Amino acid sequence: MARPIENNTMNPNNETQEITVEGLNSNSGTFSESFEKYKLKIDLFKWVLGTFGLTLITYIINWGFKDREQGMEEISQYERYLENIHP
């Protein structure tokens, strides 16, 4: 789809120029492509952050449970020790 331009100041030879839709889309296509690449980079960053964040949170919670379990075991051994010394 093209439309002629009949502007004598821009075209001194009085020739008809055509502007095509493809020509207009080529400029906006580069913006669209760069925006899509930007969205993909953001999605990748969110995935990496979510994956490592979830892994880190799971590791910290697991460490807390293991530390508490070890603490409870130490307390029970200390109680058995006190029972053996002072019956």
C-alpha atoms as a PDB file:
ATOM      1  CA  MET A   1       0.000   0.000   0.000  1.00  0.00           C
ATOM      2  CA  ALA A   2       1.656   3.194  -1.154  1.00  0.00           C
ATOM      3  CA  ARG A   3       0.564   6.774  -1.387  1.00  0.00           C
ATOM      4  CA  PRO A   4       2.118   9.411  -3.614  1.00  0.00           C
ATOM      5  CA  ILE A   5       3.679  12.544  -2.184  1.00  0.00           C
ATOM      6  CA  GLU A   6       3.192  15.675  -4.225  1.00  0.00           C
ATOM      7  CA  ASN A   7       5.147  18.271  -2.331  1.00  0.00           C
ATOM      8  CA  ASN A   8       7.140  20.552  -4.606  1.00  0.00           C
ATOM      9  CA  THR A   9       9.427  21.802  -1.859  1.00  0.00           C
ATOM     10  CA  MET A  10      10.644  18.311  -1.132  1.00  0.00           C
ATOM     11  CA  ASN A  11      10.608  17.137  -4.726  1.00  0.00           C
ATOM     12  CA  PRO A  12      11.761  19.921  -7.089  1.00  0.00           C
ATOM     13  CA  ASN A  13      11.510  17.721 -10.234  1.00  0.00           C
ATOM     14  CA  ASN A  14       7.770  17.175  -9.689  1.00  0.00           C
ATOM     15  CA  GLU A  15       8.298  13.433  -9.573  1.00  0.00           C
ATOM     16  CA  THR A  16       5.959  11.310  -7.521  1.00  0.00           C
ATOM     17  CA  GLN A  17       7.585   9.501  -4.631  1.00  0.00           C
ATOM     18  CA  GLU A  18       6.085   6.538  -2.874  1.00  0.00           C
ATOM     19  CA  ILE A  19       6.248   5.697   0.776  1.00  0.00           C
ATOM     20  CA  THR A  20       5.642   2.062   1.416  1.00  0.00           C
ATOM     21  CA  VAL A  21       4.359   0.480   4.577  1.00  0.00           C
ATOM     22  CA  GLU A  22       7.320  -1.879   4.526  1.00  0.00           C
ATOM     23  CA  GLY A  23       9.665   1.081   4.733  1.00  0.00           C
ATOM     24  CA  LEU A  24       7.870   2.411   7.776  1.00  0.00           C
ATOM     25  CA  ASN A  25       7.830  -0.975   9.478  1.00  0.00           C
ATOM     26  CA  SER A  26      11.536  -1.512   8.972  1.00  0.00           C
ATOM     27  CA  ASN A  27      12.365   1.347  11.341  1.00  0.00           C
ATOM     28  CA  SER A  28       9.876   0.214  13.946  1.00  0.00           C
ATOM     29  CA  GLY A  29      10.982  -3.392  13.404  1.00  0.00           C
ATOM     30  CA  THR A  30      14.419  -2.691  14.830  1.00  0.00           C
ATOM     31  CA  PHE A  31      12.824  -1.127  17.908  1.00  0.00           C
ATOM     32  CA  SER A  32      10.494  -4.094  18.223  1.00  0.00           C
ATOM     33  CA  GLU A  33      13.368  -6.545  17.884  1.00  0.00           C
ATOM     34  CA  SER A  34      15.473  -4.724  20.451  1.00  0.00           C
ATOM     35  CA  PHE A  35      12.493  -4.570  22.805  1.00  0.00           C
ATOM     36  CA  GLU A  36      11.933  -8.319  22.397  1.00  0.00           C
ATOM     37  CA  LYS A  37      15.616  -8.962  23.150  1.00  0.00           C
ATOM     38  CA  TYR A  38      15.304  -6.733  26.228  1.00  0.00           C
ATOM     39  CA  LYS A  39      12.232  -8.677  27.380  1.00  0.00           C
ATOM     40  CA  LEU A  40      14.081 -11.971  26.896  1.00  0.00           C
ATOM     41  CA  LYS A  41      17.044 -10.696  28.920  1.00  0.00           C
ATOM     42  CA  ILE A  42      14.710  -9.578  31.713  1.00  0.00           C
ATOM     43  CA  ASP A  43      12.924 -12.948  31.668  1.00  0.00           C
ATOM     44  CA  LEU A  44      16.267 -14.765  31.842  1.00  0.00           C
ATOM     45  CA  PHE A  45      17.378 -12.535  34.729  1.00  0.00           C
ATOM     46  CA  LYS A  46      14.124 -13.226  36.595  1.00  0.00           C
ATOM     47  CA  TRP A  47      14.510 -16.973  36.040  1.00  0.00           C
ATOM     48  CA  VAL A  48      18.128 -16.988  37.259  1.00  0.00           C
ATOM     49  CA  LEU A  49      17.290 -14.810  40.253  1.00  0.00           C
ATOM     50  CA  GLY A  50      14.279 -16.967  41.121  1.00  0.00           C
ATOM     51  CA  THR A  51      16.203 -20.202  40.769  1.00  0.00           C
ATOM     52  CA  PHE A  52      19.201 -19.130  42.814  1.00  0.00           C
ATOM     53  CA  GLY A  53      17.022 -17.244  45.294  1.00  0.00           C
ATOM     54  CA  LEU A  54      14.826 -20.281  45.902  1.00  0.00           C
ATOM     55  CA  THR A  55      17.884 -22.504  46.246  1.00  0.00           C
ATOM     56  CA  LEU A  56      19.521 -20.117  48.715  1.00  0.00           C
ATOM     57  CA  ILE A  57      16.370 -19.805  50.832  1.00  0.00           C
ATOM     58  CA  THR A  58      15.961 -23.599  50.892  1.00  0.00           C
ATOM     59  CA  TYR A  59      19.603 -24.027  51.916  1.00  0.00           C
ATOM     60  CA  ILE A  60      19.278 -21.495  54.756  1.00  0.00           C
ATOM     61  CA  ILE A  61      16.086 -23.090  56.099  1.00  0.00           C
ATOM     62  CA  ASN A  62      17.628 -26.572  55.883  1.00  0.00           C
ATOM     63  CA  TRP A  63      20.747 -25.348  57.711  1.00  0.00           C
ATOM     64  CA  GLY A  64      18.533 -23.877  60.449  1.00  0.00           C
ATOM     65  CA  PHE A  65      16.731 -27.184  60.961  1.00  0.00           C
ATOM     66  CA  LYS A  66      20.003 -29.126  61.091  1.00  0.00           C
ATOM     67  CA  ASP A  67      21.514 -26.638  63.549  1.00  0.00           C
ATOM     68  CA  ARG A  68      18.455 -26.872  65.788  1.00  0.00           C
ATOM     69  CA  GLU A  69      18.521 -30.676  65.643  1.00  0.00           C
ATOM     70  CA  GLN A  70      22.198 -30.701  66.598  1.00  0.00           C
ATOM     71  CA  GLY A  71      21.495 -28.289  69.462  1.00  0.00           C
ATOM     72  CA  MET A  72      18.689 -30.490  70.767  1.00  0.00           C
ATOM     73  CA  GLU A  73      20.991 -33.542  70.610  1.00  0.00           C
ATOM     74  CA  GLU A  74      23.671 -31.673  72.581  1.00  0.00           C
ATOM     75  CA  ILE A  75      21.139 -30.698  75.242  1.00  0.00           C
ATOM     76  CA  SER A  76      19.878 -34.271  75.605  1.00  0.00           C
ATOM     77  CA  GLN A  77      23.452 -35.600  75.917  1.00  0.00           C
ATOM     78  CA  TYR A  78      24.222 -32.947  78.523  1.00  0.00           C
ATOM     79  CA  GLU A  79      21.086 -33.949  80.487  1.00  0.00           C
ATOM     80  CA  ARG A  80      22.168 -37.641  80.417  1.00  0.00           C
ATOM     81  CA  TYR A  81      25.610 -36.563  81.620  1.00  0.00           C
ATOM     82  CA  LEU A  82      24.098 -34.648  84.546  1.00  0.00           C
ATOM     83  CA  GLU A  83      21.871 -37.615  85.456  1.00  0.00           C
ATOM     84  CA  ASN A  84      24.917 -39.901  85.580  1.00  0.00           C
ATOM     85  CA  ILE A  85      26.916 -37.520  87.789  1.00  0.00           C
ATOM     86  CA  HIS A  86      24.088 -36.629  90.202  1.00  0.00           C
ATOM     87  CA  PRO A  87      21.723 -39.598  90.467  1.00  0.00           C
END
